[in-house]
Amino acid sequence: MLPRHPSSATRRLALGGAAVVVVAAGLGVHLAVPGVVGDALADALYAVLVYLIVALIAPRLRTVVTAAIAFALCAAVELLQLTGLPEALTGLWAPFRLLLGTTFSAADLLAYAGGVVVVALVDAGARRRARRTAAR
């Protein structure tokens, strides 16, 4: 009898590959797309990466749970910016600016939500396809 769900190892491999692509895309957007559009795309890709990391850690979580955790983590990082701590950490290690940001923006929360929704829909579709393939 075939497993009902694709293996965690297979899922993790796919998620890890997707994470590498998202990091490259995010850095490309950060460097090449100026202004509000670039900021929104980079924020959405940040949320996609957080989703992928959560899914890598717990590959069998339901998609909606993974999405909720990813958005909550993104929102927590954004709210942390109100404290000034991320900006102070940037002085210790410059990449903290990319990881934690420096300035709170409510618009970032919308970009995070958009990124999480898109990646959750893609993930849900991929999981459905994998289950159908495994059931054959």
C-alpha atoms as a PDB file:
ATOM      1  CA  MET A   1       0.000   0.000   0.000  1.00  0.00           C
ATOM      2  CA  LEU A   2       1.324   3.454  -0.891  1.00  0.00           C
ATOM      3  CA  PRO A   3       1.651   6.177   1.757  1.00  0.00           C
ATOM      4  CA  ARG A   4      -1.172   8.674   1.974  1.00  0.00           C
ATOM      5  CA  HIS A   5       1.250  11.609   2.126  1.00  0.00           C
ATOM      6  CA  PRO A   6       4.474  12.173   0.235  1.00  0.00           C
ATOM      7  CA  SER A   7       7.521  11.521   2.392  1.00  0.00           C
ATOM      8  CA  SER A   8       8.823  14.259   4.628  1.00  0.00           C
ATOM      9  CA  ALA A   9      12.259  13.845   3.052  1.00  0.00           C
ATOM     10  CA  THR A  10      10.907  14.467  -0.458  1.00  0.00           C
ATOM     11  CA  ARG A  11       8.902  17.454   0.755  1.00  0.00           C
ATOM     12  CA  ARG A  12      11.886  18.877   2.610  1.00  0.00           C
ATOM     13  CA  LEU A  13      14.074  18.555  -0.474  1.00  0.00           C
ATOM     14  CA  ALA A  14      11.538  20.452  -2.578  1.00  0.00           C
ATOM     15  CA  LEU A  15      11.060  23.097   0.122  1.00  0.00           C
ATOM     16  CA  GLY A  16      14.809  23.552   0.491  1.00  0.00           C
ATOM     17  CA  GLY A  17      15.245  23.994  -3.242  1.00  0.00           C
ATOM     18  CA  ALA A  18      12.416  26.511  -3.309  1.00  0.00           C
ATOM     19  CA  ALA A  19      14.007  28.400  -0.398  1.00  0.00           C
ATOM     20  CA  VAL A  20      17.291  28.738  -2.310  1.00  0.00           C
ATOM     21  CA  VAL A  21      15.420  30.123  -5.319  1.00  0.00           C
ATOM     22  CA  VAL A  22      13.462  32.551  -3.121  1.00  0.00           C
ATOM     23  CA  VAL A  23      16.633  33.842  -1.415  1.00  0.00           C
ATOM     24  CA  ALA A  24      18.227  34.471  -4.825  1.00  0.00           C
ATOM     25  CA  ALA A  25      15.069  36.176  -6.106  1.00  0.00           C
ATOM     26  CA  GLY A  26      14.787  38.283  -2.949  1.00  0.00           C
ATOM     27  CA  LEU A  27      18.386  39.465  -3.211  1.00  0.00           C
ATOM     28  CA  GLY A  28      17.859  40.208  -6.899  1.00  0.00           C
ATOM     29  CA  VAL A  29      14.744  42.243  -6.160  1.00  0.00           C
ATOM     30  CA  HIS A  30      16.508  44.033  -3.301  1.00  0.00           C
ATOM     31  CA  LEU A  31      19.367  45.043  -5.602  1.00  0.00           C
ATOM     32  CA  ALA A  32      17.533  45.638  -8.886  1.00  0.00           C
ATOM     33  CA  VAL A  33      13.996  46.871  -8.202  1.00  0.00           C
ATOM     34  CA  PRO A  34      13.932  50.315  -6.604  1.00  0.00           C
ATOM     35  CA  GLY A  35      11.182  52.072  -4.711  1.00  0.00           C
ATOM     36  CA  VAL A  36       7.874  50.929  -3.341  1.00  0.00           C
ATOM     37  CA  VAL A  37       7.468  48.090  -5.837  1.00  0.00           C
ATOM     38  CA  GLY A  38      10.842  46.617  -4.931  1.00  0.00           C
ATOM     39  CA  ASP A  39      10.115  46.976  -1.227  1.00  0.00           C
ATOM     40  CA  ALA A  40       6.746  45.224  -1.562  1.00  0.00           C
ATOM     41  CA  LEU A  41       8.168  42.396  -3.668  1.00  0.00           C
ATOM     42  CA  ALA A  42      11.095  41.912  -1.284  1.00  0.00           C
ATOM     43  CA  ASP A  43       8.725  41.837   1.699  1.00  0.00           C
ATOM     44  CA  ALA A  44       6.459  39.307  -0.024  1.00  0.00           C
ATOM     45  CA  LEU A  45       9.472  37.116  -0.840  1.00  0.00           C
ATOM     46  CA  TYR A  46      10.644  37.417   2.773  1.00  0.00           C
ATOM     47  CA  ALA A  47       7.278  36.044   3.880  1.00  0.00           C
ATOM     48  CA  VAL A  48       7.523  33.246   1.308  1.00  0.00           C
ATOM     49  CA  LEU A  49      10.926  32.326   2.728  1.00  0.00           C
ATOM     50  CA  VAL A  50       9.582  32.308   6.282  1.00  0.00           C
ATOM     51  CA  TYR A  51       6.742  30.022   5.143  1.00  0.00           C
ATOM     52  CA  LEU A  52       9.244  27.667   3.493  1.00  0.00           C
ATOM     53  CA  ILE A  53      11.400  27.576   6.627  1.00  0.00           C
ATOM     54  CA  VAL A  54       8.386  26.761   8.811  1.00  0.00           C
ATOM     55  CA  ALA A  55       7.374  24.040   6.355  1.00  0.00           C
ATOM     56  CA  LEU A  56      10.945  22.668   6.344  1.00  0.00           C
ATOM     57  CA  ILE A  57      10.916  22.433  10.121  1.00  0.00           C
ATOM     58  CA  ALA A  58       7.452  20.854  10.288  1.00  0.00           C
ATOM     59  CA  PRO A  59       6.640  19.427   6.835  1.00  0.00           C
ATOM     60  CA  ARG A  60       3.444  17.654   7.888  1.00  0.00           C
ATOM     61  CA  LEU A  61       1.676  20.722   9.299  1.00  0.00           C
ATOM     62  CA  ARG A  62      -1.517  21.646   7.521  1.00  0.00           C
ATOM     63  CA  THR A  63      -0.999  24.408   4.980  1.00  0.00           C
ATOM     64  CA  VAL A  64      -3.216  26.856   6.844  1.00  0.00           C
ATOM     65  CA  VAL A  65      -1.273  26.285  10.079  1.00  0.00           C
ATOM     66  CA  THR A  66       2.040  26.791   8.296  1.00  0.00           C
ATOM     67  CA  ALA A  67       0.692  29.997   6.751  1.00  0.00           C
ATOM     68  CA  ALA A  68      -0.572  31.319  10.100  1.00  0.00           C
ATOM     69  CA  ILE A  69       2.770  30.647  11.800  1.00  0.00           C
ATOM     70  CA  ALA A  70       4.710  32.247   8.942  1.00  0.00           C
ATOM     71  CA  PHE A  71       2.574  35.386   8.977  1.00  0.00           C
ATOM     72  CA  ALA A  72       2.767  35.613  12.779  1.00  0.00           C
ATOM     73  CA  LEU A  73       6.572  35.416  12.634  1.00  0.00           C
ATOM     74  CA  CYS A  74       6.735  38.096   9.936  1.00  0.00           C
ATOM     75  CA  ALA A  75       4.380  40.342  11.902  1.00  0.00           C
ATOM     76  CA  ALA A  76       6.419  39.813  15.076  1.00  0.00           C
ATOM     77  CA  VAL A  77       9.615  40.852  13.275  1.00  0.00           C
ATOM     78  CA  GLU A  78       7.836  43.917  11.871  1.00  0.00           C
ATOM     79  CA  LEU A  79       6.514  44.889  15.304  1.00  0.00           C
ATOM     80  CA  LEU A  80       9.983  44.360  16.786  1.00  0.00           C
ATOM     81  CA  GLN A  81      11.120  47.200  14.543  1.00  0.00           C
ATOM     82  CA  LEU A  82       9.100  49.561  16.745  1.00  0.00           C
ATOM     83  CA  THR A  83      11.623  48.895  19.527  1.00  0.00           C
ATOM     84  CA  GLY A  84      14.696  49.971  17.569  1.00  0.00           C
ATOM     85  CA  LEU A  85      16.448  46.694  18.379  1.00  0.00           C
ATOM     86  CA  PRO A  86      16.788  45.514  14.749  1.00  0.00           C
ATOM     87  CA  GLU A  87      18.382  48.823  13.779  1.00  0.00           C
ATOM     88  CA  ALA A  88      20.853  48.516  16.668  1.00  0.00           C
ATOM     89  CA  LEU A  89      21.704  44.945  15.642  1.00  0.00           C
ATOM     90  CA  THR A  90      22.532  46.154  12.132  1.00  0.00           C
ATOM     91  CA  GLY A  91      25.573  47.845  13.650  1.00  0.00           C
ATOM     92  CA  LEU A  92      26.800  44.454  14.851  1.00  0.00           C
ATOM     93  CA  TRP A  93      26.270  42.594  11.579  1.00  0.00           C
ATOM     94  CA  ALA A  94      25.072  44.285   8.378  1.00  0.00           C
ATOM     95  CA  PRO A  95      22.955  41.324   7.108  1.00  0.00           C
ATOM     96  CA  PHE A  96      20.624  41.870  10.095  1.00  0.00           C
ATOM     97  CA  ARG A  97      19.173  44.706   7.994  1.00  0.00           C
ATOM     98  CA  LEU A  98      17.907  42.141   5.464  1.00  0.00           C
ATOM     99  CA  LEU A  99      16.763  39.680   8.126  1.00  0.00           C
ATOM    100  CA  LEU A 100      15.055  42.039  10.554  1.00  0.00           C
ATOM    101  CA  GLY A 101      14.575  45.331   8.728  1.00  0.00           C
ATOM    102  CA  THR A 102      14.950  48.623  10.555  1.00  0.00           C
ATOM    103  CA  THR A 103      11.794  50.704  10.200  1.00  0.00           C
ATOM    104  CA  PHE A 104       8.215  49.685  10.962  1.00  0.00           C
ATOM    105  CA  SER A 105       5.726  49.985   8.102  1.00  0.00           C
ATOM    106  CA  ALA A 106       2.136  48.774   8.237  1.00  0.00           C
ATOM    107  CA  ALA A 107       2.300  48.311   4.448  1.00  0.00           C
ATOM    108  CA  ASP A 108       4.892  45.583   5.027  1.00  0.00           C
ATOM    109  CA  LEU A 109       2.248  43.570   6.860  1.00  0.00           C
ATOM    110  CA  LEU A 110       0.105  43.607   3.701  1.00  0.00           C
ATOM    111  CA  ALA A 111       3.043  42.431   1.599  1.00  0.00           C
ATOM    112  CA  TYR A 112       3.733  39.634   4.092  1.00  0.00           C
ATOM    113  CA  ALA A 113       0.099  38.561   3.977  1.00  0.00           C
ATOM    114  CA  GLY A 114       0.165  38.543   0.182  1.00  0.00           C
ATOM    115  CA  GLY A 115       3.353  36.497   0.060  1.00  0.00           C
ATOM    116  CA  VAL A 116       2.038  33.977   2.567  1.00  0.00           C
ATOM    117  CA  VAL A 117      -1.268  33.584   0.736  1.00  0.00           C
ATOM    118  CA  VAL A 118       0.431  33.030  -2.619  1.00  0.00           C
ATOM    119  CA  VAL A 119       2.949  30.489  -1.294  1.00  0.00           C
ATOM    120  CA  ALA A 120       0.245  28.680   0.698  1.00  0.00           C
ATOM    121  CA  LEU A 121      -1.902  28.330  -2.434  1.00  0.00           C
ATOM    122  CA  VAL A 122       1.075  27.035  -4.433  1.00  0.00           C
ATOM    123  CA  ASP A 123       2.029  24.653  -1.624  1.00  0.00           C
ATOM    124  CA  ALA A 124      -1.526  23.362  -1.248  1.00  0.00           C
ATOM    125  CA  GLY A 125      -1.678  22.649  -4.982  1.00  0.00           C
ATOM    126  CA  ALA A 126       1.708  20.891  -4.934  1.00  0.00           C
ATOM    127  CA  ARG A 127       0.651  18.779  -1.957  1.00  0.00           C
ATOM    128  CA  ARG A 128      -2.587  17.772  -3.709  1.00  0.00           C
ATOM    129  CA  ARG A 129      -0.648  16.759  -6.828  1.00  0.00           C
ATOM    130  CA  ALA A 130       1.849  14.769  -4.750  1.00  0.00           C
ATOM    131  CA  ARG A 131      -0.954  12.919  -2.951  1.00  0.00           C
ATOM    132  CA  ARG A 132      -2.662  12.096  -6.267  1.00  0.00           C
ATOM    133  CA  THR A 133       0.612  10.826  -7.707  1.00  0.00           C
ATOM    134  CA  ALA A 134       1.322   8.732  -4.589  1.00  0.00           C
ATOM    135  CA  ALA A 135      -2.187   7.246  -4.730  1.00  0.00           C
ATOM    136  CA  ARG A 136      -1.669   5.908  -8.261  1.00  0.00           C
END
